[in-house]
Amino acid sequence: MSLAQLRVLEARKPQQLRTSSRWPQAVMPVVAAAGAVAATGPALATATTAAGLTVMTRLDVAEHRIPTRVVHVTAAAVVVALAVAAVMTGEWGRLVCAGLAAVVAAAVFAGAWLVGGVGFGDVRLAGVVTLTAGWHGLDVVLALWWWASIVALVGSLAARRRGEKQIALAPAIAMGWALAMVLAA
């Protein structure tokens, strides 16, 4: 890297440096595809989660925060959509299973938040994506967190190589959710 390039990088604001990441370009098409493919179950909940994840991932990459309002609106729409699906199909067990899985995922992330491992937006996000995946079964929830863990590990290693101390976790969660939803379809 030349001295001129270093000066250009120094002149940029930290936010400008973070938004140049390739995460959003890599994650958004996969999330959108998962939303389209997973229309076999409660399509509205899946589409709402995909739309919310798109916004949350972009903001997490750009600002390292996931706005509470976006998570709450997404969660409310998902809960309503899944409740309507349970009423229409009579599959209350699926709704209960999804809810319990979401509570467990949020509790695990809350523990990580307490020790400083993740932000609280990640705790909320974990609950929302697990709720949607949980409707499709515990195997889909396990696939979600398996793939999210793999993507987060790769992202963390890449960030460490670049000298960064933290990563945006929403892209890894979004990618894990998208892959799990494609497998569920």
C-alpha atoms as a PDB file:
ATOM      1  CA  MET A   1       0.000   0.000   0.000  1.00  0.00           C
ATOM      2  CA  SER A   2       1.417   3.364  -0.971  1.00  0.00           C
ATOM      3  CA  LEU A   3       1.719   6.401   1.266  1.00  0.00           C
ATOM      4  CA  ALA A   4      -0.959   8.193  -0.755  1.00  0.00           C
ATOM      5  CA  GLN A   5      -3.397   5.320  -0.240  1.00  0.00           C
ATOM      6  CA  LEU A   6      -2.735   5.346   3.503  1.00  0.00           C
ATOM      7  CA  ARG A   7      -3.487   9.078   3.645  1.00  0.00           C
ATOM      8  CA  VAL A   8      -6.772   8.539   1.824  1.00  0.00           C
ATOM      9  CA  LEU A   9      -7.719   5.810   4.314  1.00  0.00           C
ATOM     10  CA  GLU A  10      -6.775   8.029   7.277  1.00  0.00           C
ATOM     11  CA  ALA A  11      -8.956  10.844   5.924  1.00  0.00           C
ATOM     12  CA  ARG A  12     -12.046   8.650   5.796  1.00  0.00           C
ATOM     13  CA  LYS A  13     -14.385   8.480   8.725  1.00  0.00           C
ATOM     14  CA  PRO A  14     -14.586   5.077  10.451  1.00  0.00           C
ATOM     15  CA  GLN A  15     -18.194   4.688   9.240  1.00  0.00           C
ATOM     16  CA  GLN A  16     -17.065   5.105   5.639  1.00  0.00           C
ATOM     17  CA  LEU A  17     -14.525   2.338   6.052  1.00  0.00           C
ATOM     18  CA  ARG A  18     -17.062  -0.083   7.504  1.00  0.00           C
ATOM     19  CA  THR A  19     -19.703   0.410   4.800  1.00  0.00           C
ATOM     20  CA  SER A  20     -17.283  -0.722   2.111  1.00  0.00           C
ATOM     21  CA  SER A  21     -17.548  -4.294   3.419  1.00  0.00           C
ATOM     22  CA  ARG A  22     -18.593  -7.010   1.006  1.00  0.00           C
ATOM     23  CA  TRP A  23     -20.854  -8.732   3.552  1.00  0.00           C
ATOM     24  CA  PRO A  24     -24.100  -7.060   2.425  1.00  0.00           C
ATOM     25  CA  GLN A  25     -23.478  -7.860  -1.225  1.00  0.00           C
ATOM     26  CA  ALA A  26     -22.814 -11.512  -0.365  1.00  0.00           C
ATOM     27  CA  VAL A  27     -25.633 -11.994   2.140  1.00  0.00           C
ATOM     28  CA  MET A  28     -28.583 -10.103   0.671  1.00  0.00           C
ATOM     29  CA  PRO A  29     -29.169 -12.294  -2.412  1.00  0.00           C
ATOM     30  CA  VAL A  30     -29.025 -15.444  -0.283  1.00  0.00           C
ATOM     31  CA  VAL A  31     -31.494 -14.003   2.232  1.00  0.00           C
ATOM     32  CA  ALA A  32     -33.820 -12.890  -0.560  1.00  0.00           C
ATOM     33  CA  ALA A  33     -33.609 -16.319  -2.209  1.00  0.00           C
ATOM     34  CA  ALA A  34     -34.382 -18.042   1.088  1.00  0.00           C
ATOM     35  CA  GLY A  35     -37.421 -15.822   1.531  1.00  0.00           C
ATOM     36  CA  ALA A  36     -38.671 -16.761  -1.920  1.00  0.00           C
ATOM     37  CA  VAL A  37     -37.917 -20.488  -1.635  1.00  0.00           C
ATOM     38  CA  ALA A  38     -39.392 -20.927   1.833  1.00  0.00           C
ATOM     39  CA  ALA A  39     -42.908 -19.959   0.743  1.00  0.00           C
ATOM     40  CA  THR A  40     -44.015 -23.520   1.502  1.00  0.00           C
ATOM     41  CA  GLY A  41     -44.853 -22.724   5.137  1.00  0.00           C
ATOM     42  CA  PRO A  42     -46.105 -19.498   6.634  1.00  0.00           C
ATOM     43  CA  ALA A  43     -44.859 -17.389   3.748  1.00  0.00           C
ATOM     44  CA  LEU A  44     -45.592 -14.053   5.396  1.00  0.00           C
ATOM     45  CA  ALA A  45     -43.431 -14.844   8.442  1.00  0.00           C
ATOM     46  CA  THR A  46     -40.580 -16.006   6.239  1.00  0.00           C
ATOM     47  CA  ALA A  47     -40.809 -12.999   3.923  1.00  0.00           C
ATOM     48  CA  THR A  48     -41.033 -10.626   6.884  1.00  0.00           C
ATOM     49  CA  THR A  49     -37.973 -12.193   8.484  1.00  0.00           C
ATOM     50  CA  ALA A  50     -36.067 -11.956   5.194  1.00  0.00           C
ATOM     51  CA  ALA A  51     -37.000  -8.284   4.804  1.00  0.00           C
ATOM     52  CA  GLY A  52     -36.118  -7.491   8.419  1.00  0.00           C
ATOM     53  CA  LEU A  53     -32.821  -9.352   8.132  1.00  0.00           C
ATOM     54  CA  THR A  54     -31.942  -7.356   5.035  1.00  0.00           C
ATOM     55  CA  VAL A  55     -32.353  -4.078   6.929  1.00  0.00           C
ATOM     56  CA  MET A  56     -30.736  -5.335  10.142  1.00  0.00           C
ATOM     57  CA  THR A  57     -27.726  -6.829   8.350  1.00  0.00           C
ATOM     58  CA  ARG A  58     -27.061  -3.654   6.415  1.00  0.00           C
ATOM     59  CA  LEU A  59     -27.250  -1.533   9.573  1.00  0.00           C
ATOM     60  CA  ASP A  60     -25.139  -3.932  11.616  1.00  0.00           C
ATOM     61  CA  VAL A  61     -22.396  -3.906   8.987  1.00  0.00           C
ATOM     62  CA  ALA A  62     -22.508  -0.117   8.603  1.00  0.00           C
ATOM     63  CA  GLU A  63     -22.937   0.926  12.245  1.00  0.00           C
ATOM     64  CA  HIS A  64     -22.375  -2.189  14.400  1.00  0.00           C
ATOM     65  CA  ARG A  65     -25.874  -1.877  15.828  1.00  0.00           C
ATOM     66  CA  ILE A  66     -29.249  -3.465  15.214  1.00  0.00           C
ATOM     67  CA  PRO A  67     -32.044  -0.951  15.875  1.00  0.00           C
ATOM     68  CA  THR A  68     -34.611  -2.073  18.418  1.00  0.00           C
ATOM     69  CA  ARG A  69     -37.497  -0.681  16.389  1.00  0.00           C
ATOM     70  CA  VAL A  70     -36.627  -2.768  13.334  1.00  0.00           C
ATOM     71  CA  VAL A  71     -36.349  -5.936  15.424  1.00  0.00           C
ATOM     72  CA  HIS A  72     -39.619  -5.251  17.249  1.00  0.00           C
ATOM     73  CA  VAL A  73     -41.575  -4.561  14.055  1.00  0.00           C
ATOM     74  CA  THR A  74     -40.147  -7.689  12.428  1.00  0.00           C
ATOM     75  CA  ALA A  75     -40.848  -9.785  15.534  1.00  0.00           C
ATOM     76  CA  ALA A  76     -44.436  -8.520  15.848  1.00  0.00           C
ATOM     77  CA  ALA A  77     -45.178  -9.289  12.201  1.00  0.00           C
ATOM     78  CA  VAL A  78     -43.627 -12.752  12.503  1.00  0.00           C
ATOM     79  CA  VAL A  79     -45.579 -13.574  15.667  1.00  0.00           C
ATOM     80  CA  VAL A  80     -48.862 -12.477  14.067  1.00  0.00           C
ATOM     81  CA  ALA A  81     -48.139 -14.388  10.859  1.00  0.00           C
ATOM     82  CA  LEU A  82     -47.239 -17.578  12.724  1.00  0.00           C
ATOM     83  CA  ALA A  83     -50.256 -17.261  15.024  1.00  0.00           C
ATOM     84  CA  VAL A  84     -52.531 -16.894  11.998  1.00  0.00           C
ATOM     85  CA  ALA A  85     -50.840 -19.916  10.395  1.00  0.00           C
ATOM     86  CA  ALA A  86     -51.432 -21.920  13.594  1.00  0.00           C
ATOM     87  CA  VAL A  87     -55.099 -20.895  13.658  1.00  0.00           C
ATOM     88  CA  MET A  88     -55.586 -21.723   9.989  1.00  0.00           C
ATOM     89  CA  THR A  89     -53.810 -25.092  10.085  1.00  0.00           C
ATOM     90  CA  GLY A  90     -54.511 -26.132  13.668  1.00  0.00           C
ATOM     91  CA  GLU A  91     -50.785 -26.793  14.166  1.00  0.00           C
ATOM     92  CA  TRP A  92     -50.413 -25.210  17.584  1.00  0.00           C
ATOM     93  CA  GLY A  93     -47.555 -27.555  18.445  1.00  0.00           C
ATOM     94  CA  ARG A  94     -45.423 -25.959  15.762  1.00  0.00           C
ATOM     95  CA  LEU A  95     -46.088 -22.516  17.193  1.00  0.00           C
ATOM     96  CA  VAL A  96     -45.219 -23.659  20.725  1.00  0.00           C
ATOM     97  CA  CYS A  97     -42.058 -25.400  19.489  1.00  0.00           C
ATOM     98  CA  ALA A  98     -41.005 -22.274  17.572  1.00  0.00           C
ATOM     99  CA  GLY A  99     -41.664 -20.071  20.600  1.00  0.00           C
ATOM    100  CA  LEU A 100     -39.694 -22.291  22.955  1.00  0.00           C
ATOM    101  CA  ALA A 101     -36.784 -22.503  20.530  1.00  0.00           C
ATOM    102  CA  ALA A 102     -36.774 -18.699  20.217  1.00  0.00           C
ATOM    103  CA  VAL A 103     -36.717 -18.285  23.999  1.00  0.00           C
ATOM    104  CA  VAL A 104     -33.820 -20.731  24.338  1.00  0.00           C
ATOM    105  CA  ALA A 105     -31.814 -19.030  21.566  1.00  0.00           C
ATOM    106  CA  ALA A 106     -32.436 -15.593  23.061  1.00  0.00           C
ATOM    107  CA  ALA A 107     -31.422 -16.889  26.512  1.00  0.00           C
ATOM    108  CA  VAL A 108     -28.154 -18.306  25.166  1.00  0.00           C
ATOM    109  CA  PHE A 109     -27.415 -15.011  23.424  1.00  0.00           C
ATOM    110  CA  ALA A 110     -28.381 -13.087  26.578  1.00  0.00           C
ATOM    111  CA  GLY A 111     -25.738 -15.068  28.437  1.00  0.00           C
ATOM    112  CA  ALA A 112     -23.191 -14.102  25.789  1.00  0.00           C
ATOM    113  CA  TRP A 113     -24.368 -10.487  26.076  1.00  0.00           C
ATOM    114  CA  LEU A 114     -23.846 -10.541  29.849  1.00  0.00           C
ATOM    115  CA  VAL A 115     -20.184 -11.435  29.383  1.00  0.00           C
ATOM    116  CA  GLY A 116     -19.723  -8.924  26.567  1.00  0.00           C
ATOM    117  CA  GLY A 117     -19.624 -11.389  23.695  1.00  0.00           C
ATOM    118  CA  VAL A 118     -22.462  -9.935  21.608  1.00  0.00           C
ATOM    119  CA  GLY A 119     -24.609  -6.825  21.486  1.00  0.00           C
ATOM    120  CA  PHE A 120     -28.200  -6.810  22.704  1.00  0.00           C
ATOM    121  CA  GLY A 121     -29.466  -6.361  19.154  1.00  0.00           C
ATOM    122  CA  ASP A 122     -27.973  -9.775  18.417  1.00  0.00           C
ATOM    123  CA  VAL A 123     -29.945 -11.199  21.357  1.00  0.00           C
ATOM    124  CA  ARG A 124     -33.214  -9.896  19.902  1.00  0.00           C
ATOM    125  CA  LEU A 125     -32.268 -10.963  16.390  1.00  0.00           C
ATOM    126  CA  ALA A 126     -31.513 -14.506  17.579  1.00  0.00           C
ATOM    127  CA  GLY A 127     -35.033 -14.786  18.954  1.00  0.00           C
ATOM    128  CA  VAL A 128     -36.709 -13.573  15.763  1.00  0.00           C
ATOM    129  CA  VAL A 129     -34.811 -15.794  13.338  1.00  0.00           C
ATOM    130  CA  THR A 130     -35.181 -18.818  15.612  1.00  0.00           C
ATOM    131  CA  LEU A 131     -38.928 -18.207  15.863  1.00  0.00           C
ATOM    132  CA  THR A 132     -39.300 -18.365  12.096  1.00  0.00           C
ATOM    133  CA  ALA A 133     -36.957 -21.354  11.724  1.00  0.00           C
ATOM    134  CA  GLY A 134     -38.581 -23.113  14.682  1.00  0.00           C
ATOM    135  CA  TRP A 135     -41.905 -23.312  12.855  1.00  0.00           C
ATOM    136  CA  HIS A 136     -40.209 -25.657  10.399  1.00  0.00           C
ATOM    137  CA  GLY A 137     -38.746 -27.887  13.137  1.00  0.00           C
ATOM    138  CA  LEU A 138     -35.858 -28.232  15.520  1.00  0.00           C
ATOM    139  CA  ASP A 139     -33.652 -29.644  12.779  1.00  0.00           C
ATOM    140  CA  VAL A 140     -34.019 -26.337  10.927  1.00  0.00           C
ATOM    141  CA  VAL A 141     -33.130 -24.426  14.118  1.00  0.00           C
ATOM    142  CA  LEU A 142     -30.021 -26.561  14.537  1.00  0.00           C
ATOM    143  CA  ALA A 143     -29.101 -26.000  10.882  1.00  0.00           C
ATOM    144  CA  LEU A 144     -29.595 -22.251  11.359  1.00  0.00           C
ATOM    145  CA  TRP A 145     -27.160 -22.058  14.252  1.00  0.00           C
ATOM    146  CA  TRP A 146     -24.710 -24.534  12.707  1.00  0.00           C
ATOM    147  CA  TRP A 147     -24.396 -22.466   9.536  1.00  0.00           C
ATOM    148  CA  ALA A 148     -24.419 -19.146  11.417  1.00  0.00           C
ATOM    149  CA  SER A 149     -21.571 -20.409  13.598  1.00  0.00           C
ATOM    150  CA  ILE A 150     -19.515 -21.489  10.592  1.00  0.00           C
ATOM    151  CA  VAL A 151     -20.061 -18.160   8.805  1.00  0.00           C
ATOM    152  CA  ALA A 152     -19.293 -16.198  12.000  1.00  0.00           C
ATOM    153  CA  LEU A 153     -16.083 -18.185  12.498  1.00  0.00           C
ATOM    154  CA  VAL A 154     -14.933 -17.473   8.957  1.00  0.00           C
ATOM    155  CA  GLY A 155     -15.889 -13.805   9.324  1.00  0.00           C
ATOM    156  CA  SER A 156     -14.065 -13.573  12.640  1.00  0.00           C
ATOM    157  CA  LEU A 157     -10.910 -15.116  11.208  1.00  0.00           C
ATOM    158  CA  ALA A 158     -11.025 -12.746   8.243  1.00  0.00           C
ATOM    159  CA  ALA A 159     -11.568  -9.767  10.559  1.00  0.00           C
ATOM    160  CA  ARG A 160      -8.672 -10.822  12.747  1.00  0.00           C
ATOM    161  CA  ARG A 161      -6.454 -11.058   9.694  1.00  0.00           C
ATOM    162  CA  ARG A 162      -7.445  -7.484   8.782  1.00  0.00           C
ATOM    163  CA  GLY A 163      -6.681  -6.370  12.348  1.00  0.00           C
ATOM    164  CA  GLU A 164     -10.293  -5.754  13.373  1.00  0.00           C
ATOM    165  CA  LYS A 165     -11.362  -6.640  16.902  1.00  0.00           C
ATOM    166  CA  GLN A 166     -15.088  -7.167  16.336  1.00  0.00           C
ATOM    167  CA  ILE A 167     -17.420  -8.260  13.574  1.00  0.00           C
ATOM    168  CA  ALA A 168     -21.024  -7.576  12.739  1.00  0.00           C
ATOM    169  CA  LEU A 169     -22.853 -10.762  13.693  1.00  0.00           C
ATOM    170  CA  ALA A 170     -26.087 -10.108  11.771  1.00  0.00           C
ATOM    171  CA  PRO A 171     -24.593 -11.188   8.420  1.00  0.00           C
ATOM    172  CA  ALA A 172     -23.606 -14.566   9.848  1.00  0.00           C
ATOM    173  CA  ILE A 173     -27.018 -15.004  11.450  1.00  0.00           C
ATOM    174  CA  ALA A 174     -28.717 -13.980   8.203  1.00  0.00           C
ATOM    175  CA  MET A 175     -26.644 -16.407   6.166  1.00  0.00           C
ATOM    176  CA  GLY A 176     -27.310 -19.226   8.636  1.00  0.00           C
ATOM    177  CA  TRP A 177     -31.035 -18.476   8.578  1.00  0.00           C
ATOM    178  CA  ALA A 178     -31.114 -18.319   4.795  1.00  0.00           C
ATOM    179  CA  LEU A 179     -29.319 -21.655   4.388  1.00  0.00           C
ATOM    180  CA  ALA A 180     -31.540 -23.305   6.999  1.00  0.00           C
ATOM    181  CA  MET A 181     -34.688 -22.001   5.321  1.00  0.00           C
ATOM    182  CA  VAL A 182     -33.545 -23.270   1.921  1.00  0.00           C
ATOM    183  CA  LEU A 183     -32.962 -26.683   3.487  1.00  0.00           C
ATOM    184  CA  ALA A 184     -36.424 -26.531   5.081  1.00  0.00           C
ATOM    185  CA  ALA A 185     -38.167 -25.905   1.772  1.00  0.00           C
END
